[in-house]
C-alpha atoms as a PDB file:
ATOM      1  CA  MET A   1     125.800 196.502  -1.544  1.00  0.00           C
ATOM      2  CA  ASP A   2     126.209 196.326   2.218  1.00  0.00           C
ATOM      3  CA  LEU A   3     124.202 194.084   4.526  1.00  0.00           C
ATOM      4  CA  LYS A   4     121.560 196.708   5.339  1.00  0.00           C
ATOM      5  CA  GLU A   5     121.020 197.453   1.653  1.00  0.00           C
ATOM      6  CA  LEU A   6     120.745 193.752   0.832  1.00  0.00           C
ATOM      7  CA  ALA A   7     118.186 193.239   3.590  1.00  0.00           C
ATOM      8  CA  ALA A   8     116.158 196.242   2.437  1.00  0.00           C
ATOM      9  CA  THR A   9     116.297 195.111  -1.183  1.00  0.00           C
ATOM     10  CA  ALA A  10     115.284 191.565  -0.229  1.00  0.00           C
ATOM     11  CA  GLY A  11     112.164 192.979   1.404  1.00  0.00           C
ATOM     12  CA  GLY A  12     111.366 195.345  -1.444  1.00  0.00           C
ATOM     13  CA  GLY A  13     108.650 195.136  -4.070  1.00  0.00           C
ATOM     14  CA  ASP A  14     110.729 194.157  -7.120  1.00  0.00           C
ATOM     15  CA  PRO A  15     110.954 190.360  -7.300  1.00  0.00           C
ATOM     16  CA  GLY A  16     114.106 190.372  -9.434  1.00  0.00           C
ATOM     17  CA  ASP A  17     115.987 192.662  -7.085  1.00  0.00           C
ATOM     18  CA  GLY A  18     114.630 190.784  -4.090  1.00  0.00           C
ATOM     19  CA  LEU A  19     115.721 187.388  -5.396  1.00  0.00           C
ATOM     20  CA  ARG A  20     119.200 188.657  -6.248  1.00  0.00           C
ATOM     21  CA  ALA A  21     119.476 190.108  -2.743  1.00  0.00           C
ATOM     22  CA  VAL A  22     118.343 186.801  -1.218  1.00  0.00           C
ATOM     23  CA  ALA A  23     120.995 184.963  -3.258  1.00  0.00           C
ATOM     24  CA  ALA A  24     123.676 187.395  -2.071  1.00  0.00           C
ATOM     25  CA  LEU A  25     122.551 187.026   1.550  1.00  0.00           C
ATOM     26  CA  ARG A  26     122.558 183.229   1.201  1.00  0.00           C
ATOM     27  CA  ALA A  27     126.139 183.326  -0.130  1.00  0.00           C
ATOM     28  CA  LEU A  28     127.187 185.537   2.776  1.00  0.00           C
ATOM     29  CA  LEU A  29     125.587 183.177   5.307  1.00  0.00           C
ATOM     30  CA  GLU A  30     127.307 180.162   3.720  1.00  0.00           C
ATOM     31  CA  GLU A  31     130.659 181.942   3.939  1.00  0.00           C
ATOM     32  CA  LEU A  32     130.082 182.918   7.583  1.00  0.00           C
ATOM     33  CA  GLU A  33     129.047 179.372   8.466  1.00  0.00           C
ATOM     34  CA  ALA A  34     132.164 177.938   6.801  1.00  0.00           C
ATOM     35  CA  VAL A  35     134.444 180.333   8.683  1.00  0.00           C
ATOM     36  CA  HIS A  36     132.863 179.537  12.040  1.00  0.00           C
ATOM     37  CA  VAL A  37     132.807 175.777  11.451  1.00  0.00           C
ATOM     38  CA  SER A  38     136.504 175.880  10.542  1.00  0.00           C
ATOM     39  CA  THR A  39     137.255 177.913  13.661  1.00  0.00           C
ATOM     40  CA  ALA A  40     135.246 175.553  15.852  1.00  0.00           C
ATOM     41  CA  ARG A  41     137.002 172.483  14.434  1.00  0.00           C
ATOM     42  CA  ALA A  42     140.412 174.138  14.894  1.00  0.00           C
ATOM     43  CA  GLN A  43     139.473 174.758  18.545  1.00  0.00           C
ATOM     44  CA  GLY A  44     138.552 171.110  19.041  1.00  0.00           C
ATOM     45  CA  TRP A  45     134.783 171.229  18.738  1.00  0.00           C
ATOM     46  CA  SER A  46     133.150 167.943  17.786  1.00  0.00           C
ATOM     47  CA  TRP A  47     130.822 167.651  14.815  1.00  0.00           C
ATOM     48  CA  GLU A  48     128.065 166.999  17.370  1.00  0.00           C
ATOM     49  CA  GLN A  49     128.739 170.312  19.140  1.00  0.00           C
ATOM     50  CA  ILE A  50     128.791 172.236  15.862  1.00  0.00           C
ATOM     51  CA  ALA A  51     125.595 170.560  14.689  1.00  0.00           C
ATOM     52  CA  GLY A  52     123.877 171.443  17.966  1.00  0.00           C
ATOM     53  CA  ALA A  53     124.895 175.073  17.672  1.00  0.00           C
ATOM     54  CA  LEU A  54     123.585 175.215  14.093  1.00  0.00           C
ATOM     55  CA  GLY A  55     120.402 173.296  14.887  1.00  0.00           C
ATOM     56  CA  VAL A  56     121.097 170.506  12.405  1.00  0.00           C
ATOM     57  CA  ARG A  57     122.080 166.826  12.570  1.00  0.00           C
ATOM     58  CA  ARG A  58     125.727 165.868  12.962  1.00  0.00           C
ATOM     59  CA  GLN A  59     125.678 164.019   9.648  1.00  0.00           C
ATOM     60  CA  THR A  60     124.417 167.130   7.868  1.00  0.00           C
ATOM     61  CA  VAL A  61     127.177 169.425   9.092  1.00  0.00           C
ATOM     62  CA  HIS A  62     129.843 166.750   8.657  1.00  0.00           C
ATOM     63  CA  ARG A  63     128.812 166.046   5.062  1.00  0.00           C
ATOM     64  CA  LYS A  64     128.749 169.761   4.261  1.00  0.00           C
ATOM     65  CA  HIS A  65     132.026 170.820   5.868  1.00  0.00           C
ATOM     66  CA  ALA A  66     134.319 167.824   6.534  1.00  0.00           C
ATOM     67  CA  ARG A  67     136.122 167.886   3.198  1.00  0.00           C
ATOM     68  CA  ARG A  68     136.817 171.611   3.405  1.00  0.00           C
ATOM     69  CA  THR A  69     138.103 171.468   6.990  1.00  0.00           C
ATOM     70  CA  GLY A  70     140.445 168.612   6.099  1.00  0.00           C
ATOM     71  CA  LYS A  71     139.102 166.463   8.904  1.00  0.00           C
ATOM     72  CA  ALA A  72     136.790 164.155   6.960  1.00  0.00           C
ATOM     73  CA  GLY A  73     137.719 161.117   9.038  1.00  0.00           C
ATOM     74  CA  ASP A  74     136.872 162.767  12.334  1.00  0.00           C
ATOM     75  CA  ARG A  75     133.542 161.855  13.794  1.00  0.00           C
END
């Protein structure tokens, strides 16, 4: 399913289809966030800058992404 179909299904009347679409959209958002956090870190962004852009606390984004970006020690 493409993004438009997922969005339409998520807003549809069948709860099972809607929940599956929500799960697929959530997975897509997680993947997009990971890609952009990795890109930001590679370009020298601080965890504080990334957190501000995402609207979360620095500790939250660091805990979620530091291991994957390979820069766990960076603050």
